[in-house]
N, C-alpha and C. Protein backbone atom coordinates (compact mmCIF):
# COMPACT_ATOMS: atom_id res chain seq x y z
N MET A 1 20.55 1.15 -5.92
CA MET A 1 19.28 1.82 -5.70
C MET A 1 18.15 0.82 -5.96
N SER A 2 17.16 0.83 -5.10
CA SER A 2 16.04 -0.09 -5.22
C SER A 2 15.02 0.44 -6.23
N TYR A 3 14.34 -0.48 -6.88
CA TYR A 3 13.33 -0.10 -7.86
C TYR A 3 12.30 -1.21 -8.01
N GLN A 4 11.17 -0.82 -8.62
CA GLN A 4 10.12 -1.75 -9.02
C GLN A 4 10.01 -1.67 -10.54
N GLN A 5 9.36 -2.63 -11.15
CA GLN A 5 9.17 -2.58 -12.60
C GLN A 5 7.80 -1.99 -12.94
N ALA A 6 7.79 -1.13 -13.96
CA ALA A 6 6.54 -0.54 -14.43
C ALA A 6 5.64 -1.66 -14.97
N PRO A 7 4.33 -1.50 -14.83
CA PRO A 7 3.41 -2.58 -15.16
C PRO A 7 3.36 -3.00 -16.63
N HIS A 8 3.60 -2.09 -17.56
CA HIS A 8 3.46 -2.42 -18.98
C HIS A 8 4.79 -2.66 -19.68
N THR A 9 5.74 -1.75 -19.46
CA THR A 9 7.01 -1.82 -20.19
C THR A 9 8.12 -2.48 -19.38
N LEU A 10 7.88 -2.69 -18.10
CA LEU A 10 8.87 -3.25 -17.17
C LEU A 10 10.07 -2.33 -16.98
N SER A 11 9.92 -1.05 -17.34
CA SER A 11 10.96 -0.06 -17.09
C SER A 11 11.11 0.13 -15.59
N PRO A 12 12.30 0.54 -15.11
CA PRO A 12 12.47 0.72 -13.67
C PRO A 12 11.76 1.96 -13.15
N ILE A 13 11.13 1.81 -11.98
CA ILE A 13 10.55 2.92 -11.23
C ILE A 13 11.34 2.97 -9.93
N LEU A 14 12.16 4.01 -9.77
CA LEU A 14 13.00 4.11 -8.59
C LEU A 14 12.17 4.28 -7.33
N ASP A 15 12.54 3.56 -6.27
CA ASP A 15 11.84 3.70 -5.00
C ASP A 15 12.02 5.13 -4.47
N GLY A 16 10.96 5.69 -3.91
CA GLY A 16 11.02 7.01 -3.31
C GLY A 16 10.64 8.16 -4.24
N VAL A 17 10.33 7.86 -5.51
CA VAL A 17 9.95 8.94 -6.43
C VAL A 17 8.57 9.49 -6.07
N LEU A 18 8.32 10.75 -6.45
CA LEU A 18 7.02 11.36 -6.17
C LEU A 18 5.94 10.85 -7.11
N ALA A 19 6.32 10.58 -8.37
CA ALA A 19 5.35 10.15 -9.38
C ALA A 19 6.10 9.41 -10.49
N TRP A 20 5.37 8.65 -11.29
CA TRP A 20 5.98 7.96 -12.43
C TRP A 20 4.98 7.85 -13.57
N ILE A 21 5.52 7.70 -14.79
CA ILE A 21 4.71 7.48 -15.99
C ILE A 21 5.33 6.32 -16.74
N ASP A 22 4.53 5.34 -17.09
CA ASP A 22 4.97 4.20 -17.89
C ASP A 22 4.53 4.49 -19.33
N CYS A 23 5.51 4.66 -20.23
CA CYS A 23 5.22 5.05 -21.62
C CYS A 23 5.75 4.05 -22.62
N ARG A 24 5.03 3.92 -23.71
CA ARG A 24 5.49 3.16 -24.88
C ARG A 24 6.05 4.18 -25.86
N ILE A 25 7.27 3.96 -26.35
CA ILE A 25 7.87 4.89 -27.31
C ILE A 25 7.14 4.77 -28.64
N GLU A 26 6.63 5.91 -29.12
CA GLU A 26 5.90 5.98 -30.38
C GLU A 26 6.79 6.43 -31.53
N ARG A 27 7.71 7.36 -31.23
CA ARG A 27 8.51 7.94 -32.29
C ARG A 27 9.74 8.61 -31.70
N GLU A 28 10.84 8.62 -32.45
CA GLU A 28 12.04 9.36 -32.09
C GLU A 28 12.37 10.30 -33.25
N VAL A 29 12.60 11.58 -32.93
CA VAL A 29 12.85 12.59 -33.95
C VAL A 29 14.15 13.30 -33.61
N GLU A 30 15.07 13.38 -34.58
CA GLU A 30 16.31 14.12 -34.39
C GLU A 30 16.01 15.61 -34.51
N VAL A 31 16.37 16.39 -33.50
CA VAL A 31 16.15 17.84 -33.48
C VAL A 31 17.48 18.48 -33.12
N GLY A 32 18.21 18.91 -34.13
CA GLY A 32 19.54 19.47 -33.89
C GLY A 32 20.44 18.40 -33.30
N ASP A 33 21.04 18.70 -32.14
CA ASP A 33 21.90 17.72 -31.49
C ASP A 33 21.17 16.95 -30.38
N HIS A 34 19.85 16.97 -30.42
CA HIS A 34 19.02 16.26 -29.44
C HIS A 34 18.13 15.24 -30.15
N THR A 35 17.63 14.30 -29.40
CA THR A 35 16.62 13.37 -29.88
C THR A 35 15.35 13.60 -29.07
N LEU A 36 14.27 13.93 -29.75
CA LEU A 36 12.97 14.10 -29.11
C LEU A 36 12.27 12.75 -29.15
N VAL A 37 11.88 12.27 -27.98
CA VAL A 37 11.19 10.99 -27.89
C VAL A 37 9.72 11.26 -27.55
N VAL A 38 8.82 10.76 -28.40
CA VAL A 38 7.38 10.91 -28.19
C VAL A 38 6.85 9.58 -27.68
N GLY A 39 6.17 9.62 -26.54
CA GLY A 39 5.67 8.39 -25.96
C GLY A 39 4.17 8.44 -25.72
N ALA A 40 3.56 7.27 -25.69
CA ALA A 40 2.15 7.14 -25.34
C ALA A 40 2.08 6.66 -23.89
N ALA A 41 1.45 7.48 -23.04
CA ALA A 41 1.34 7.12 -21.62
C ALA A 41 0.39 5.93 -21.46
N LEU A 42 0.87 4.90 -20.81
CA LEU A 42 0.08 3.69 -20.59
C LEU A 42 -0.51 3.66 -19.18
N GLU A 43 0.24 4.21 -18.23
CA GLU A 43 -0.22 4.26 -16.84
C GLU A 43 0.66 5.25 -16.10
N LEU A 44 0.08 5.88 -15.06
CA LEU A 44 0.86 6.81 -14.25
C LEU A 44 0.31 6.81 -12.84
N ALA A 45 1.14 7.29 -11.92
CA ALA A 45 0.71 7.35 -10.52
C ALA A 45 1.50 8.39 -9.77
N VAL A 46 0.85 9.02 -8.81
CA VAL A 46 1.52 9.86 -7.82
C VAL A 46 1.66 8.99 -6.59
N THR A 47 2.90 8.79 -6.15
CA THR A 47 3.12 7.83 -5.07
C THR A 47 3.17 8.46 -3.69
N LYS A 48 3.49 9.77 -3.63
CA LYS A 48 3.48 10.49 -2.35
C LYS A 48 3.49 11.98 -2.63
N PRO A 49 2.99 12.79 -1.69
CA PRO A 49 3.00 14.23 -1.90
C PRO A 49 4.42 14.78 -1.79
N GLY A 50 4.65 15.88 -2.45
CA GLY A 50 5.97 16.50 -2.38
C GLY A 50 6.09 17.67 -3.33
N ARG A 51 7.29 18.22 -3.41
CA ARG A 51 7.56 19.35 -4.30
C ARG A 51 8.53 18.88 -5.37
N PRO A 52 8.05 18.59 -6.58
CA PRO A 52 8.91 18.11 -7.66
C PRO A 52 9.96 19.16 -8.04
N LEU A 53 11.15 18.68 -8.38
CA LEU A 53 12.22 19.54 -8.84
C LEU A 53 12.22 19.53 -10.37
N VAL A 54 12.21 20.72 -10.97
CA VAL A 54 12.21 20.83 -12.43
C VAL A 54 13.39 21.68 -12.87
N PHE A 55 13.86 21.44 -14.09
CA PHE A 55 14.93 22.23 -14.69
C PHE A 55 14.34 22.98 -15.87
N PHE A 56 14.37 24.31 -15.80
CA PHE A 56 13.76 25.15 -16.83
C PHE A 56 14.57 26.43 -16.95
N LYS A 57 14.89 26.82 -18.19
CA LYS A 57 15.68 28.02 -18.47
C LYS A 57 16.99 28.02 -17.67
N SER A 58 17.68 26.88 -17.70
CA SER A 58 19.00 26.73 -17.08
C SER A 58 19.00 26.87 -15.56
N ARG A 59 17.83 26.66 -14.92
CA ARG A 59 17.74 26.74 -13.46
C ARG A 59 16.86 25.62 -12.92
N TYR A 60 17.16 25.21 -11.70
CA TYR A 60 16.31 24.27 -10.99
C TYR A 60 15.32 25.05 -10.13
N SER A 61 14.07 24.57 -10.10
CA SER A 61 13.04 25.18 -9.25
C SER A 61 12.15 24.05 -8.73
N ALA A 62 11.49 24.31 -7.61
CA ALA A 62 10.52 23.35 -7.08
C ALA A 62 9.12 23.84 -7.42
N LEU A 63 8.28 22.93 -7.86
CA LEU A 63 6.88 23.25 -8.14
C LEU A 63 6.09 23.18 -6.85
N ASP A 64 4.88 23.71 -6.88
CA ASP A 64 3.99 23.53 -5.73
C ASP A 64 3.72 22.04 -5.58
N SER A 65 3.28 21.63 -4.42
CA SER A 65 3.00 20.24 -4.11
C SER A 65 2.03 19.63 -5.13
N ILE A 66 2.27 18.37 -5.50
CA ILE A 66 1.35 17.68 -6.41
C ILE A 66 0.45 16.76 -5.63
């Protein structure tokens, strides 16, 4: 899969995504059997219009166009 590097952290941004956020990790907190990662957004962009897919309450749904 093709990708570009995020401007600040050099994390991968997959080609074809609707939007991306480049974050610096500020803190990691253990919450039960999960790890909550808190990040500081350094830069973000919407690269093309579309309907993002989200997972909420054990179901996938599409949001309105961003």
